[in-house]
Amino acid sequence: MADSSFDIVSKVDKQEVANALNQAQKEIEQRYDFKGVGAEIDYSGEKILMKANSEERVKAVLDVFQSKLVKRNISLKSLDDGKPYPSGKEYRIEASIKEGIEQPEAKKIAALIREQGPKSVKANIQGDELRVSSKSRDDLQDVISLLKSADLEIDVQFVNYR
């Protein structure tokens, strides 16, 4: 019997991020507490830039964007947001969306599977994803539940289960 396997990936639906961004822009334009404070949120391919005239206002812009992401089922672990910094007369926060499992994180997940998972399970790092394989599908289910209960620093999905 051939081995069963699945892949562990960290991906974000770009369209959902764009929708959350558009909703956040509309809310920022219409909310009374953002009137006259120069509050903006822009997306330029890679970076998301939030601006306002005070540190509290720019944090509020970030909070609005985070709430829109949560409503669209995008984990906040995928959002890599920086600290507010002054730029001229305004404050800014730069953020980006993280995708893919980086090497150190992949090694941590593989070590976790080796230590706490069933002995028949093997985890191989393949680029920015992990392939987990075993002869027993039940063992693979145990690994999925182990990873769902673990407190990982990234948002992971399980795909290509066969």
Protein backbone atom coordinates (compact mmCIF):
# COMPACT_ATOMS: atom_id res chain seq x y z
CA MET A 1 0.00 0.00 0.00
CA ALA A 2 1.33 3.45 -0.92
CA ASP A 3 1.96 6.14 1.66
CA SER A 4 -0.74 8.70 2.35
CA SER A 5 0.33 12.33 2.59
CA PHE A 6 -0.72 15.95 2.93
CA ASP A 7 1.02 19.33 2.59
CA ILE A 8 1.27 22.02 5.25
CA VAL A 9 1.19 25.47 3.63
CA SER A 10 0.74 29.07 4.69
CA LYS A 11 -1.26 30.91 2.04
CA VAL A 12 -3.61 33.87 2.05
CA ASP A 13 -6.37 34.58 -0.46
CA LYS A 14 -5.19 37.84 -2.09
CA GLN A 15 -8.72 38.72 -3.20
CA GLU A 16 -9.99 38.51 0.40
CA VAL A 17 -7.14 40.80 1.53
CA ALA A 18 -8.06 43.30 -1.23
CA ASN A 19 -11.72 43.14 -0.16
CA ALA A 20 -10.80 43.72 3.49
CA LEU A 21 -8.61 46.65 2.44
CA ASN A 22 -11.42 48.22 0.39
CA GLN A 23 -13.86 47.83 3.28
CA ALA A 24 -11.35 49.42 5.66
CA GLN A 25 -10.81 52.35 3.24
CA LYS A 26 -14.57 52.96 3.03
CA GLU A 27 -15.00 52.83 6.80
CA ILE A 28 -12.06 55.21 7.36
CA GLU A 29 -13.52 57.70 4.84
CA GLN A 30 -16.95 57.65 6.51
CA ARG A 31 -16.20 57.43 10.23
CA TYR A 32 -16.59 60.70 12.12
CA ASP A 33 -13.53 60.19 14.35
CA PHE A 34 -11.30 59.95 11.24
CA LYS A 35 -12.51 63.24 9.71
CA GLY A 36 -9.73 65.81 9.39
CA VAL A 37 -6.93 63.63 10.77
CA GLY A 38 -5.47 62.60 7.40
CA ALA A 39 -6.26 58.93 8.00
CA GLU A 40 -5.51 56.73 4.98
CA ILE A 41 -4.76 53.14 4.12
CA ASP A 42 -3.03 52.22 0.84
CA TYR A 43 -1.87 48.97 -0.73
CA SER A 44 0.95 48.91 -3.26
CA GLY A 45 1.45 45.30 -4.30
CA GLU A 46 3.67 44.26 -1.39
CA LYS A 47 3.25 46.81 1.40
CA ILE A 48 0.17 48.14 3.14
CA LEU A 49 0.73 51.71 4.32
CA MET A 50 -1.43 53.34 7.00
CA LYS A 51 -1.16 57.07 7.71
CA ALA A 52 -2.70 59.53 10.17
CA ASN A 53 -1.69 62.71 12.01
CA SER A 54 -1.21 61.05 15.43
CA GLU A 55 0.07 57.74 16.75
CA GLU A 56 -3.33 56.87 18.29
CA ARG A 57 -5.18 57.54 15.01
CA VAL A 58 -2.80 55.39 12.95
CA LYS A 59 -3.21 52.57 15.49
CA ALA A 60 -6.99 52.97 15.09
CA VAL A 61 -6.59 52.64 11.30
CA LEU A 62 -4.63 49.40 11.87
CA ASP A 63 -7.38 48.19 14.22
CA VAL A 64 -10.05 48.83 11.57
CA PHE A 65 -8.02 46.89 8.98
CA GLN A 66 -7.44 43.99 11.40
CA SER A 67 -11.15 43.76 12.16
CA LYS A 68 -11.93 43.59 8.42
CA LEU A 69 -9.36 40.79 7.99
CA VAL A 70 -10.90 38.80 10.83
CA LYS A 71 -14.39 39.18 9.35
CA ARG A 72 -13.05 37.70 6.09
CA ASN A 73 -11.51 34.69 7.92
CA ILE A 74 -7.89 35.79 7.42
CA SER A 75 -5.72 35.03 10.44
CA LEU A 76 -3.93 37.99 12.00
CA LYS A 77 -0.84 35.75 12.14
CA SER A 78 -0.60 36.41 8.38
CA LEU A 79 -0.37 40.18 8.95
CA ASP A 80 3.15 41.41 9.62
CA ASP A 81 2.60 44.93 10.99
CA GLY A 82 5.32 47.24 12.16
CA LYS A 83 5.43 49.89 14.86
CA PRO A 84 4.11 53.42 14.25
CA TYR A 85 6.84 55.82 13.21
CA PRO A 86 6.75 59.58 12.57
CA SER A 87 7.22 60.79 9.00
CA GLY A 88 7.06 64.54 8.66
CA LYS A 89 3.79 65.74 10.20
CA GLU A 90 2.15 62.30 10.16
CA TYR A 91 2.58 58.87 11.68
CA ARG A 92 2.81 55.74 9.55
CA ILE A 93 2.61 51.98 9.98
CA GLU A 94 3.89 49.65 7.27
CA ALA A 95 2.45 46.15 7.14
CA SER A 96 2.68 43.20 4.80
CA ILE A 97 0.96 39.86 4.30
CA LYS A 98 3.15 36.84 5.09
CA GLU A 99 2.90 33.81 2.82
CA GLY A 100 4.89 30.60 2.74
CA ILE A 101 6.60 28.81 5.60
CA GLU A 102 10.11 30.14 6.16
CA GLN A 103 12.95 27.68 6.84
CA PRO A 104 13.29 28.20 10.64
CA GLU A 105 9.54 27.87 11.13
CA ALA A 106 9.42 24.78 8.88
CA LYS A 107 12.17 23.19 10.98
CA LYS A 108 10.21 23.90 14.19
CA ILE A 109 7.08 22.28 12.74
CA ALA A 110 9.05 19.24 11.51
CA ALA A 111 10.68 18.87 14.95
CA LEU A 112 7.28 19.13 16.64
CA ILE A 113 5.91 16.37 14.40
CA ARG A 114 8.98 14.19 15.11
CA GLU A 115 8.79 14.69 18.89
CA GLN A 116 5.05 14.60 19.57
CA GLY A 117 3.57 12.94 16.49
CA PRO A 118 3.19 9.23 15.75
CA LYS A 119 6.48 7.44 14.99
CA SER A 120 5.43 6.32 11.48
CA VAL A 121 5.03 9.92 10.26
CA LYS A 122 7.74 11.64 8.19
CA ALA A 123 7.88 15.40 7.52
CA ASN A 124 9.91 16.73 4.56
CA ILE A 125 10.56 20.42 3.94
CA GLN A 126 9.92 21.30 0.27
CA GLY A 127 10.63 24.95 -0.43
CA ASP A 128 8.06 27.01 1.47
CA GLU A 129 5.82 24.07 2.46
CA LEU A 130 6.05 20.76 4.31
CA ARG A 131 4.99 17.35 3.03
CA VAL A 132 3.87 14.96 5.76
CA SER A 133 3.58 11.29 4.85
CA SER A 134 2.73 8.01 6.59
CA LYS A 135 1.32 4.59 5.81
CA SER A 136 -1.59 5.21 8.20
CA ARG A 137 -4.20 7.86 7.47
CA ASP A 138 -5.14 7.85 11.16
CA ASP A 139 -1.60 8.96 12.03
CA LEU A 140 -1.93 11.84 9.54
CA GLN A 141 -5.19 12.89 11.20
CA ASP A 142 -3.36 12.84 14.56
CA VAL A 143 -0.66 15.13 13.13
CA ILE A 144 -3.29 17.58 11.81
CA SER A 145 -5.01 17.74 15.21
CA LEU A 146 -1.60 18.11 16.92
CA LEU A 147 -0.70 21.09 14.70
CA LYS A 148 -4.13 22.69 15.11
CA SER A 149 -3.75 22.57 18.90
CA ALA A 150 -0.10 23.78 18.81
CA ASP A 151 0.51 27.50 19.18
CA LEU A 152 2.39 28.17 15.94
CA GLU A 153 3.66 31.63 14.99
CA ILE A 154 2.17 31.35 11.49
CA ASP A 155 -1.22 30.49 10.07
CA VAL A 156 -1.14 27.03 8.43
CA GLN A 157 -3.51 25.16 6.13
CA PHE A 158 -3.56 21.48 5.22
CA VAL A 159 -3.92 20.68 1.50
CA ASN A 160 -3.48 17.77 -0.96
CA TYR A 161 -4.64 15.15 1.52
CA ARG A 162 -4.37 11.80 -0.27
